[in-house]
PDB file of N, CA and C in Angstrom:
ATOM      1  N   UNK A   1      23.403   0.893  -3.733  1.00  0.00           N
ATOM      2  CA  UNK A   1      23.453   0.878  -2.922  1.00  0.00           C
ATOM      3  C   UNK A   1      23.439   2.146  -3.034  1.00  0.00           C
ATOM      4  N   UNK A   2      22.404   3.315  -2.319  1.00  0.00           N
ATOM      5  CA  UNK A   2      23.303   4.875  -2.575  1.00  0.00           C
ATOM      6  C   UNK A   2      24.610   4.635  -1.376  1.00  0.00           C
ATOM      7  N   UNK A   3      25.570   6.248  -1.637  1.00  0.00           N
ATOM      8  CA  UNK A   3      26.739   6.011  -1.119  1.00  0.00           C
ATOM      9  C   UNK A   3      26.103   6.399   0.326  1.00  0.00           C
ATOM     10  N   UNK A   4      24.696   7.206   0.720  1.00  0.00           N
ATOM     11  CA  UNK A   4      24.735   7.497   1.548  1.00  0.00           C
ATOM     12  C   UNK A   4      23.069   7.298   1.610  1.00  0.00           C
ATOM     13  N   UNK A   5      22.260   6.456   3.011  1.00  0.00           N
ATOM     14  CA  UNK A   5      21.029   6.330   2.836  1.00  0.00           C
ATOM     15  C   UNK A   5      20.147   7.606   2.322  1.00  0.00           C
ATOM     16  N   UNK A   6      19.456   7.168   1.993  1.00  0.00           N
ATOM     17  CA  UNK A   6      18.295   8.975   1.230  1.00  0.00           C
ATOM     18  C   UNK A   6      17.041   8.096   1.945  1.00  0.00           C
ATOM     19  N   UNK A   7      16.829   9.818   2.869  1.00  0.00           N
ATOM     20  CA  UNK A   7      15.573   9.858   3.847  1.00  0.00           C
ATOM     21  C   UNK A   7      13.816   9.477   2.775  1.00  0.00           C
ATOM     22  N   UNK A   8      13.051   8.959   2.858  1.00  0.00           N
ATOM     23  CA  UNK A   8      12.317   8.792   2.208  1.00  0.00           C
ATOM     24  C   UNK A   8      10.382   8.765   3.004  1.00  0.00           C
ATOM     25  N   UNK A   9       9.855   9.101   3.048  1.00  0.00           N
ATOM     26  CA  UNK A   9       7.744   8.248   3.649  1.00  0.00           C
ATOM     27  C   UNK A   9       7.723   7.686   3.435  1.00  0.00           C
ATOM     28  N   UNK A  10       7.255   6.784   3.947  1.00  0.00           N
ATOM     29  CA  UNK A  10       6.545   5.977   3.951  1.00  0.00           C
ATOM     30  C   UNK A  10       4.706   6.189   4.276  1.00  0.00           C
ATOM     31  N   UNK A  11       4.121   5.384   3.162  1.00  0.00           N
ATOM     32  CA  UNK A  11       2.413   6.502   3.556  1.00  0.00           C
ATOM     33  C   UNK A  11       2.064   6.042   3.149  1.00  0.00           C
ATOM     34  N   UNK A  12       0.208   5.884   3.750  1.00  0.00           N
ATOM     35  CA  UNK A  12      -0.565   4.486   3.442  1.00  0.00           C
ATOM     36  C   UNK A  12      -1.550   5.288   2.847  1.00  0.00           C
ATOM     37  N   UNK A  13      -2.360   4.268   2.436  1.00  0.00           N
ATOM     38  CA  UNK A  13      -3.168   5.468   1.445  1.00  0.00           C
ATOM     39  C   UNK A  13      -4.457   6.586   1.948  1.00  0.00           C
ATOM     40  N   UNK A  14      -4.518   6.607   2.519  1.00  0.00           N
ATOM     41  CA  UNK A  14      -4.857   8.164   3.120  1.00  0.00           C
ATOM     42  C   UNK A  14      -4.134   9.484   3.271  1.00  0.00           C
ATOM     43  N   UNK A  15      -2.899   9.397   3.505  1.00  0.00           N
ATOM     44  CA  UNK A  15      -1.246   9.767   3.619  1.00  0.00           C
ATOM     45  C   UNK A  15      -1.081  10.166   4.868  1.00  0.00           C
ATOM     46  N   UNK A  16      -1.506   9.076   6.211  1.00  0.00           N
ATOM     47  CA  UNK A  16      -0.256   8.737   7.316  1.00  0.00           C
ATOM     48  C   UNK A  16       0.399   7.868   6.955  1.00  0.00           C
ATOM     49  N   UNK A  17       1.773   8.287   7.747  1.00  0.00           N
ATOM     50  CA  UNK A  17       2.588   7.731   7.769  1.00  0.00           C
ATOM     51  C   UNK A  17       2.941   6.112   7.783  1.00  0.00           C
ATOM     52  N   UNK A  18       3.047   5.239   7.630  1.00  0.00           N
ATOM     53  CA  UNK A  18       3.404   3.868   8.400  1.00  0.00           C
ATOM     54  C   UNK A  18       5.141   3.599   8.722  1.00  0.00           C
ATOM     55  N   UNK A  19       4.771   3.264   9.933  1.00  0.00           N
ATOM     56  CA  UNK A  19       6.106   2.952  10.816  1.00  0.00           C
ATOM     57  C   UNK A  19       5.331   1.218  11.438  1.00  0.00           C
ATOM     58  N   UNK A  20       6.471   1.432  12.420  1.00  0.00           N
ATOM     59  CA  UNK A  20       6.617   0.222  12.667  1.00  0.00           C
ATOM     60  C   UNK A  20       5.968   0.017  14.400  1.00  0.00           C
ATOM     61  N   UNK A  21       4.806  -0.681  14.034  1.00  0.00           N
ATOM     62  CA  UNK A  21       3.960  -0.976  15.120  1.00  0.00           C
ATOM     63  C   UNK A  21       4.636  -2.184  16.419  1.00  0.00           C
ATOM     64  N   UNK A  22       5.315  -2.908  15.780  1.00  0.00           N
ATOM     65  CA  UNK A  22       6.186  -3.905  16.845  1.00  0.00           C
ATOM     66  C   UNK A  22       7.157  -3.928  15.691  1.00  0.00           C
ATOM     67  N   UNK A  23       8.708  -4.892  16.331  1.00  0.00           N
ATOM     68  CA  UNK A  23       9.395  -5.993  15.396  1.00  0.00           C
ATOM     69  C   UNK A  23       9.793  -6.247  14.478  1.00  0.00           C
ATOM     70  N   UNK A  24       7.891  -6.732  14.228  1.00  0.00           N
ATOM     71  CA  UNK A  24       7.493  -7.344  12.735  1.00  0.00           C
ATOM     72  C   UNK A  24       5.662  -7.407  12.375  1.00  0.00           C
ATOM     73  N   UNK A  25       6.068  -6.047  12.557  1.00  0.00           N
ATOM     74  CA  UNK A  25       4.988  -5.967  11.628  1.00  0.00           C
ATOM     75  C   UNK A  25       4.411  -4.229  12.169  1.00  0.00           C
ATOM     76  N   UNK A  26       3.817  -3.359  11.307  1.00  0.00           N
ATOM     77  CA  UNK A  26       3.113  -2.319  10.565  1.00  0.00           C
ATOM     78  C   UNK A  26       1.840  -1.931  11.228  1.00  0.00           C
ATOM     79  N   UNK A  27       2.136  -0.251  11.721  1.00  0.00           N
ATOM     80  CA  UNK A  27       0.831  -0.202  12.049  1.00  0.00           C
ATOM     81  C   UNK A  27       0.143   0.787  10.323  1.00  0.00           C
ATOM     82  N   UNK A  28       0.823   0.458   9.389  1.00  0.00           N
ATOM     83  CA  UNK A  28      -0.402   0.524   7.970  1.00  0.00           C
ATOM     84  C   UNK A  28      -0.009  -0.288   7.377  1.00  0.00           C
ATOM     85  N   UNK A  29      -0.521  -0.276   5.713  1.00  0.00           N
ATOM     86  CA  UNK A  29      -0.764  -0.933   4.697  1.00  0.00           C
ATOM     87  C   UNK A  29       0.016   0.202   3.405  1.00  0.00           C
ATOM     88  N   UNK A  30       1.050   0.437   3.364  1.00  0.00           N
ATOM     89  CA  UNK A  30       2.409   0.973   2.616  1.00  0.00           C
ATOM     90  C   UNK A  30       1.884   0.957   0.824  1.00  0.00           C
ATOM     91  N   UNK A  31       1.691   2.753   0.578  1.00  0.00           N
ATOM     92  CA  UNK A  31       0.888   2.688  -0.625  1.00  0.00           C
ATOM     93  C   UNK A  31       1.264   3.783  -1.520  1.00  0.00           C
ATOM     94  N   UNK A  32       2.675   4.207  -0.507  1.00  0.00           N
ATOM     95  CA  UNK A  32       3.211   5.120  -1.311  1.00  0.00           C
ATOM     96  C   UNK A  32       4.712   5.631  -0.970  1.00  0.00           C
ATOM     97  N   UNK A  33       5.624   6.326  -1.815  1.00  0.00           N
ATOM     98  CA  UNK A  33       7.029   6.706  -1.361  1.00  0.00           C
ATOM     99  C   UNK A  33       6.801   8.512  -1.174  1.00  0.00           C
ATOM    100  N   UNK A  34       7.173   8.775  -0.512  1.00  0.00           N
ATOM    101  CA  UNK A  34       8.104  10.428  -0.159  1.00  0.00           C
ATOM    102  C   UNK A  34       8.826  10.991  -0.024  1.00  0.00           C
ATOM    103  N   UNK A  35       9.745  10.718  -1.607  1.00  0.00           N
ATOM    104  CA  UNK A  35      11.178  11.381  -1.674  1.00  0.00           C
ATOM    105  C   UNK A  35      11.554  12.751  -1.397  1.00  0.00           C
ATOM    106  N   UNK A  36      10.698  14.245  -1.457  1.00  0.00           N
ATOM    107  CA  UNK A  36      11.021  15.039  -1.671  1.00  0.00           C
ATOM    108  C   UNK A  36      10.404  15.683  -3.557  1.00  0.00           C
ATOM    109  N   UNK A  37      10.158  14.394  -4.321  1.00  0.00           N
ATOM    110  CA  UNK A  37       9.757  14.691  -5.819  1.00  0.00           C
ATOM    111  C   UNK A  37       7.969  13.979  -5.908  1.00  0.00           C
ATOM    112  N   UNK A  38       7.214  13.643  -7.140  1.00  0.00           N
ATOM    113  CA  UNK A  38       6.318  13.433  -6.941  1.00  0.00           C
ATOM    114  C   UNK A  38       6.213  11.936  -6.079  1.00  0.00           C
ATOM    115  N   UNK A  39       4.856  11.890  -5.251  1.00  0.00           N
ATOM    116  CA  UNK A  39       4.820  10.715  -4.680  1.00  0.00           C
ATOM    117  C   UNK A  39       5.105   8.987  -5.699  1.00  0.00           C
ATOM    118  N   UNK A  40       6.035   8.019  -4.972  1.00  0.00           N
ATOM    119  CA  UNK A  40       5.837   7.204  -6.322  1.00  0.00           C
ATOM    120  C   UNK A  40       5.206   5.845  -5.239  1.00  0.00           C
ATOM    121  N   UNK A  41       3.801   5.327  -5.788  1.00  0.00           N
ATOM    122  CA  UNK A  41       3.223   4.425  -5.417  1.00  0.00           C
ATOM    123  C   UNK A  41       4.142   3.409  -5.511  1.00  0.00           C
ATOM    124  N   UNK A  42       3.134   2.205  -4.226  1.00  0.00           N
ATOM    125  CA  UNK A  42       4.212   0.747  -3.841  1.00  0.00           C
ATOM    126  C   UNK A  42       2.930  -0.038  -4.470  1.00  0.00           C
ATOM    127  N   UNK A  43       3.778  -1.047  -4.979  1.00  0.00           N
ATOM    128  CA  UNK A  43       2.579  -2.493  -6.212  1.00  0.00           C
ATOM    129  C   UNK A  43       3.121  -2.770  -4.967  1.00  0.00           C
ATOM    130  N   UNK A  44       3.709  -3.429  -4.682  1.00  0.00           N
ATOM    131  CA  UNK A  44       4.255  -4.555  -3.732  1.00  0.00           C
ATOM    132  C   UNK A  44       5.362  -4.785  -2.271  1.00  0.00           C
ATOM    133  N   UNK A  45       4.909  -5.215  -1.290  1.00  0.00           N
ATOM    134  CA  UNK A  45       6.557  -5.399  -0.424  1.00  0.00           C
ATOM    135  C   UNK A  45       6.507  -6.823   0.946  1.00  0.00           C
ATOM    136  N   UNK A  46       7.690  -6.716   1.373  1.00  0.00           N
ATOM    137  CA  UNK A  46       7.045  -7.558   1.916  1.00  0.00           C
ATOM    138  C   UNK A  46       8.416  -6.806   3.161  1.00  0.00           C
ATOM    139  N   UNK A  47       8.088  -7.612   4.476  1.00  0.00           N
ATOM    140  CA  UNK A  47       8.511  -7.965   6.099  1.00  0.00           C
ATOM    141  C   UNK A  47       7.591  -7.227   6.793  1.00  0.00           C
ATOM    142  N   UNK A  48       7.610  -6.566   7.675  1.00  0.00           N
ATOM    143  CA  UNK A  48       9.544  -6.012   7.995  1.00  0.00           C
ATOM    144  C   UNK A  48      10.088  -7.164   8.963  1.00  0.00           C
ATOM    145  N   UNK A  49      11.587  -6.701   9.051  1.00  0.00           N
ATOM    146  CA  UNK A  49      12.218  -7.667   9.501  1.00  0.00           C
ATOM    147  C   UNK A  49      13.045  -6.834  10.407  1.00  0.00           C
ATOM    148  N   UNK A  50      13.372  -7.152  11.692  1.00  0.00           N
ATOM    149  CA  UNK A  50      13.651  -6.345  12.861  1.00  0.00           C
ATOM    150  C   UNK A  50      14.899  -7.256  12.339  1.00  0.00           C
ATOM    151  N   UNK A  51      15.613  -5.708  12.910  1.00  0.00           N
ATOM    152  CA  UNK A  51      17.814  -6.108  12.567  1.00  0.00           C
ATOM    153  C   UNK A  51      17.933  -5.441  14.003  1.00  0.00           C
ATOM    154  N   UNK A  52      18.440  -6.489  14.823  1.00  0.00           N
ATOM    155  CA  UNK A  52      19.715  -6.821  15.738  1.00  0.00           C
ATOM    156  C   UNK A  52      20.874  -6.600  14.957  1.00  0.00           C
ATOM    157  N   UNK A  53      21.649  -5.806  15.249  1.00  0.00           N
ATOM    158  CA  UNK A  53      23.110  -5.312  15.562  1.00  0.00           C
ATOM    159  C   UNK A  53      23.217  -4.345  16.926  1.00  0.00           C
ATOM    160  N   UNK A  54      24.459  -6.017  17.254  1.00  0.00           N
ATOM    161  CA  UNK A  54      25.127  -4.140  18.308  1.00  0.00           C
ATOM    162  C   UNK A  54      24.372  -4.644  19.302  1.00  0.00           C
ATOM    163  N   UNK A  55      23.214  -4.906  19.945  1.00  0.00           N
ATOM    164  CA  UNK A  55      22.268  -4.917  20.704  1.00  0.00           C
ATOM    165  C   UNK A  55      22.784  -4.588  22.471  1.00  0.00           C
ATOM    166  N   UNK A  56      23.962  -5.029  22.658  1.00  0.00           N
ATOM    167  CA  UNK A  56      23.975  -4.728  23.886  1.00  0.00           C
ATOM    168  C   UNK A  56      25.423  -3.909  23.764  1.00  0.00           C
ATOM    169  N   UNK A  57      25.693  -2.804  22.740  1.00  0.00           N
ATOM    170  CA  UNK A  57      27.058  -1.973  22.684  1.00  0.00           C
ATOM    171  C   UNK A  57      25.903  -0.423  23.390  1.00  0.00           C
ATOM    172  N   UNK A  58      26.697  -0.103  24.439  1.00  0.00           N
ATOM    173  CA  UNK A  58      25.646   1.563  24.348  1.00  0.00           C
ATOM    174  C   UNK A  58      25.304   2.682  23.832  1.00  0.00           C
ATOM    175  N   UNK A  59      26.651   2.272  22.664  1.00  0.00           N
ATOM    176  CA  UNK A  59      26.675   3.619  22.036  1.00  0.00           C
ATOM    177  C   UNK A  59      26.618   1.957  20.867  1.00  0.00           C
ATOM    178  N   UNK A  60      25.447   1.161  19.920  1.00  0.00           N
ATOM    179  CA  UNK A  60      25.191   0.430  19.647  1.00  0.00           C
ATOM    180  C   UNK A  60      23.802   1.401  18.275  1.00  0.00           C
ATOM    181  N   UNK A  61      23.518   1.204  16.468  1.00  0.00           N
ATOM    182  CA  UNK A  61      23.152   2.075  16.307  1.00  0.00           C
ATOM    183  C   UNK A  61      21.251   2.006  16.556  1.00  0.00           C
ATOM    184  N   UNK A  62      20.931   1.237  17.687  1.00  0.00           N
ATOM    185  CA  UNK A  62      19.605   1.173  18.189  1.00  0.00           C
ATOM    186  C   UNK A  62      19.299   0.300  17.531  1.00  0.00           C
ATOM    187  N   UNK A  63      17.431  -0.417  17.405  1.00  0.00           N
ATOM    188  CA  UNK A  63      17.186  -1.220  17.309  1.00  0.00           C
ATOM    189  C   UNK A  63      16.554  -0.597  15.399  1.00  0.00           C
ATOM    190  N   UNK A  64      16.075  -2.117  15.033  1.00  0.00           N
ATOM    191  CA  UNK A  64      15.720  -1.531  13.444  1.00  0.00           C
ATOM    192  C   UNK A  64      14.670  -2.100  12.622  1.00  0.00           C
ATOM    193  N   UNK A  65      14.168  -1.654  11.800  1.00  0.00           N
ATOM    194  CA  UNK A  65      13.490  -2.629  11.126  1.00  0.00           C
ATOM    195  C   UNK A  65      14.130  -2.651   9.191  1.00  0.00           C
ATOM    196  N   UNK A  66      14.262  -3.472   8.304  1.00  0.00           N
ATOM    197  CA  UNK A  66      14.217  -3.341   6.966  1.00  0.00           C
ATOM    198  C   UNK A  66      12.779  -3.741   6.612  1.00  0.00           C
ATOM    199  N   UNK A  67      12.203  -3.589   5.831  1.00  0.00           N
ATOM    200  CA  UNK A  67      11.179  -3.888   4.872  1.00  0.00           C
ATOM    201  C   UNK A  67      11.569  -3.836   2.968  1.00  0.00           C
ATOM    202  N   UNK A  68      11.138  -4.735   2.682  1.00  0.00           N
ATOM    203  CA  UNK A  68      11.764  -4.061   0.910  1.00  0.00           C
ATOM    204  C   UNK A  68       9.863  -3.901   0.630  1.00  0.00           C
ATOM    205  N   UNK A  69      10.487  -3.007  -0.713  1.00  0.00           N
ATOM    206  CA  UNK A  69       9.284  -2.247  -1.160  1.00  0.00           C
ATOM    207  C   UNK A  69       9.341  -2.453  -3.264  1.00  0.00           C
ATOM    208  N   UNK A  70       8.431  -2.927  -3.535  1.00  0.00           N
ATOM    209  CA  UNK A  70       8.532  -3.144  -4.592  1.00  0.00           C
ATOM    210  C   UNK A  70       7.508  -1.602  -5.171  1.00  0.00           C
ATOM    211  N   UNK A  71       8.226  -0.507  -6.176  1.00  0.00           N
ATOM    212  CA  UNK A  71       7.979   0.700  -7.100  1.00  0.00           C
ATOM    213  C   UNK A  71       6.166   0.030  -8.635  1.00  0.00           C
ATOM    214  N   UNK A  72       5.632   0.711  -8.559  1.00  0.00           N
ATOM    215  CA  UNK A  72       4.737   0.845  -9.614  1.00  0.00           C
ATOM    216  C   UNK A  72       5.808   0.504 -11.236  1.00  0.00           C
ATOM    217  N   UNK A  73       6.705   1.352 -10.421  1.00  0.00           N
ATOM    218  CA  UNK A  73       7.109   1.198 -12.064  1.00  0.00           C
ATOM    219  C   UNK A  73       8.453   0.381 -12.319  1.00  0.00           C
ATOM    220  N   UNK A  74       8.282  -0.794 -11.007  1.00  0.00           N
ATOM    221  CA  UNK A  74       9.365  -1.834 -11.313  1.00  0.00           C
ATOM    222  C   UNK A  74      10.249  -1.652 -10.127  1.00  0.00           C
ATOM    223  N   UNK A  75      11.147  -0.166  -9.934  1.00  0.00           N
ATOM    224  CA  UNK A  75      12.235  -0.824  -9.290  1.00  0.00           C
ATOM    225  C   UNK A  75      11.265  -1.324  -7.679  1.00  0.00           C
ATOM    226  N   UNK A  76      12.635  -1.834  -7.265  1.00  0.00           N
ATOM    227  CA  UNK A  76      13.244  -2.249  -5.949  1.00  0.00           C
ATOM    228  C   UNK A  76      14.071  -1.692  -5.084  1.00  0.00           C
ATOM    229  N   UNK A  77      13.199  -1.429  -4.086  1.00  0.00           N
ATOM    230  CA  UNK A  77      14.394  -0.788  -2.258  1.00  0.00           C
ATOM    231  C   UNK A  77      13.888  -1.846  -1.519  1.00  0.00           C
ATOM    232  N   UNK A  78      15.344  -1.707  -0.589  1.00  0.00           N
ATOM    233  CA  UNK A  78      15.668  -2.010   0.407  1.00  0.00           C
ATOM    234  C   UNK A  78      15.267  -0.514   1.558  1.00  0.00           C
ATOM    235  N   UNK A  79      14.477  -0.861   2.673  1.00  0.00           N
ATOM    236  CA  UNK A  79      14.297   0.170   3.195  1.00  0.00           C
ATOM    237  C   UNK A  79      14.895   0.024   4.600  1.00  0.00           C
ATOM    238  N   UNK A  80      15.357   0.913   6.234  1.00  0.00           N
ATOM    239  CA  UNK A  80      15.366   0.629   6.708  1.00  0.00           C
ATOM    240  C   UNK A  80      14.275   1.877   7.579  1.00  0.00           C
ATOM    241  N   UNK A  81      13.847   1.136   8.635  1.00  0.00           N
ATOM    242  CA  UNK A  81      13.057   2.662   9.764  1.00  0.00           C
ATOM    243  C   UNK A  81      14.589   1.524  10.800  1.00  0.00           C
ATOM    244  N   UNK A  82      14.845   3.577  11.234  1.00  0.00           N
ATOM    245  CA  UNK A  82      15.853   3.205  12.753  1.00  0.00           C
ATOM    246  C   UNK A  82      15.932   4.980  12.457  1.00  0.00           C
ATOM    247  N   UNK A  83      15.418   4.843  14.203  1.00  0.00           N
ATOM    248  CA  UNK A  83      15.376   6.249  14.833  1.00  0.00           C
ATOM    249  C   UNK A  83      14.874   7.242  14.773  1.00  0.00           C
ATOM    250  N   UNK A  84      12.999   6.343  14.270  1.00  0.00           N
ATOM    251  CA  UNK A  84      11.495   7.005  13.959  1.00  0.00           C
ATOM    252  C   UNK A  84      12.010   8.061  11.976  1.00  0.00           C
ATOM    253  N   UNK A  85      12.975   6.907  11.481  1.00  0.00           N
ATOM    254  CA  UNK A  85      12.644   7.657  10.424  1.00  0.00           C
ATOM    255  C   UNK A  85      13.037   6.591   9.582  1.00  0.00           C
ATOM    256  N   UNK A  86      12.008   6.681   8.695  1.00  0.00           N
ATOM    257  CA  UNK A  86      12.729   5.258   7.008  1.00  0.00           C
ATOM    258  C   UNK A  86      14.467   5.906   6.209  1.00  0.00           C
ATOM    259  N   UNK A  87      14.979   4.382   5.877  1.00  0.00           N
ATOM    260  CA  UNK A  87      16.022   5.479   4.527  1.00  0.00           C
ATOM    261  C   UNK A  87      16.349   4.287   3.503  1.00  0.00           C
ATOM    262  N   UNK A  88      16.247   4.813   2.409  1.00  0.00           N
ATOM    263  CA  UNK A  88      16.463   3.464   1.115  1.00  0.00           C
ATOM    264  C   UNK A  88      18.027   3.456   1.726  1.00  0.00           C
ATOM    265  N   UNK A  89      18.156   1.675   1.776  1.00  0.00           N
ATOM    266  CA  UNK A  89      19.776   1.837   1.861  1.00  0.00           C
ATOM    267  C   UNK A  89      19.440   1.020   0.465  1.00  0.00           C
ATOM    268  N   UNK A  90      18.923   0.395  -0.130  1.00  0.00           N
ATOM    269  CA  UNK A  90      19.382  -0.225  -0.975  1.00  0.00           C
ATOM    270  C   UNK A  90      18.554  -0.087  -2.595  1.00  0.00           C
ATOM    271  N   UNK A  91      19.157  -0.454  -3.421  1.00  0.00           N
ATOM    272  CA  UNK A  91      18.552  -0.578  -4.892  1.00  0.00           C
ATOM    273  C   UNK A  91      18.521  -1.866  -5.583  1.00  0.00           C
ATOM    274  N   UNK A  92      17.518  -2.705  -5.396  1.00  0.00           N
ATOM    275  CA  UNK A  92      17.632  -3.280  -6.375  1.00  0.00           C
ATOM    276  C   UNK A  92      17.387  -3.414  -7.508  1.00  0.00           C
ATOM    277  N   UNK A  93      18.302  -3.936  -8.615  1.00  0.00           N
ATOM    278  CA  UNK A  93      18.522  -3.668 -10.596  1.00  0.00           C
ATOM    279  C   UNK A  93      17.613  -4.913 -10.858  1.00  0.00           C
TER     280      UNK A  93
END
């Protein structure tokens, strides 16, 4: 796990940002991850899955979804979309 979540952009083939359209549905097909360096190709993905954490608390983290992606180089990432942006919260070995 990264010490702090790393913000990224999840992009479709046309460069449009891919975002949740519903708790368990994306509005596009993920094709690339942009993190400030060269874009990395998404080879596969699973999800999204809604996260219901402290939904009753007014100061809770708010709604979120998780998505797993595998990059063309074999790196597997856990992404979370919360507050209008994607973040890498885990890297699988």
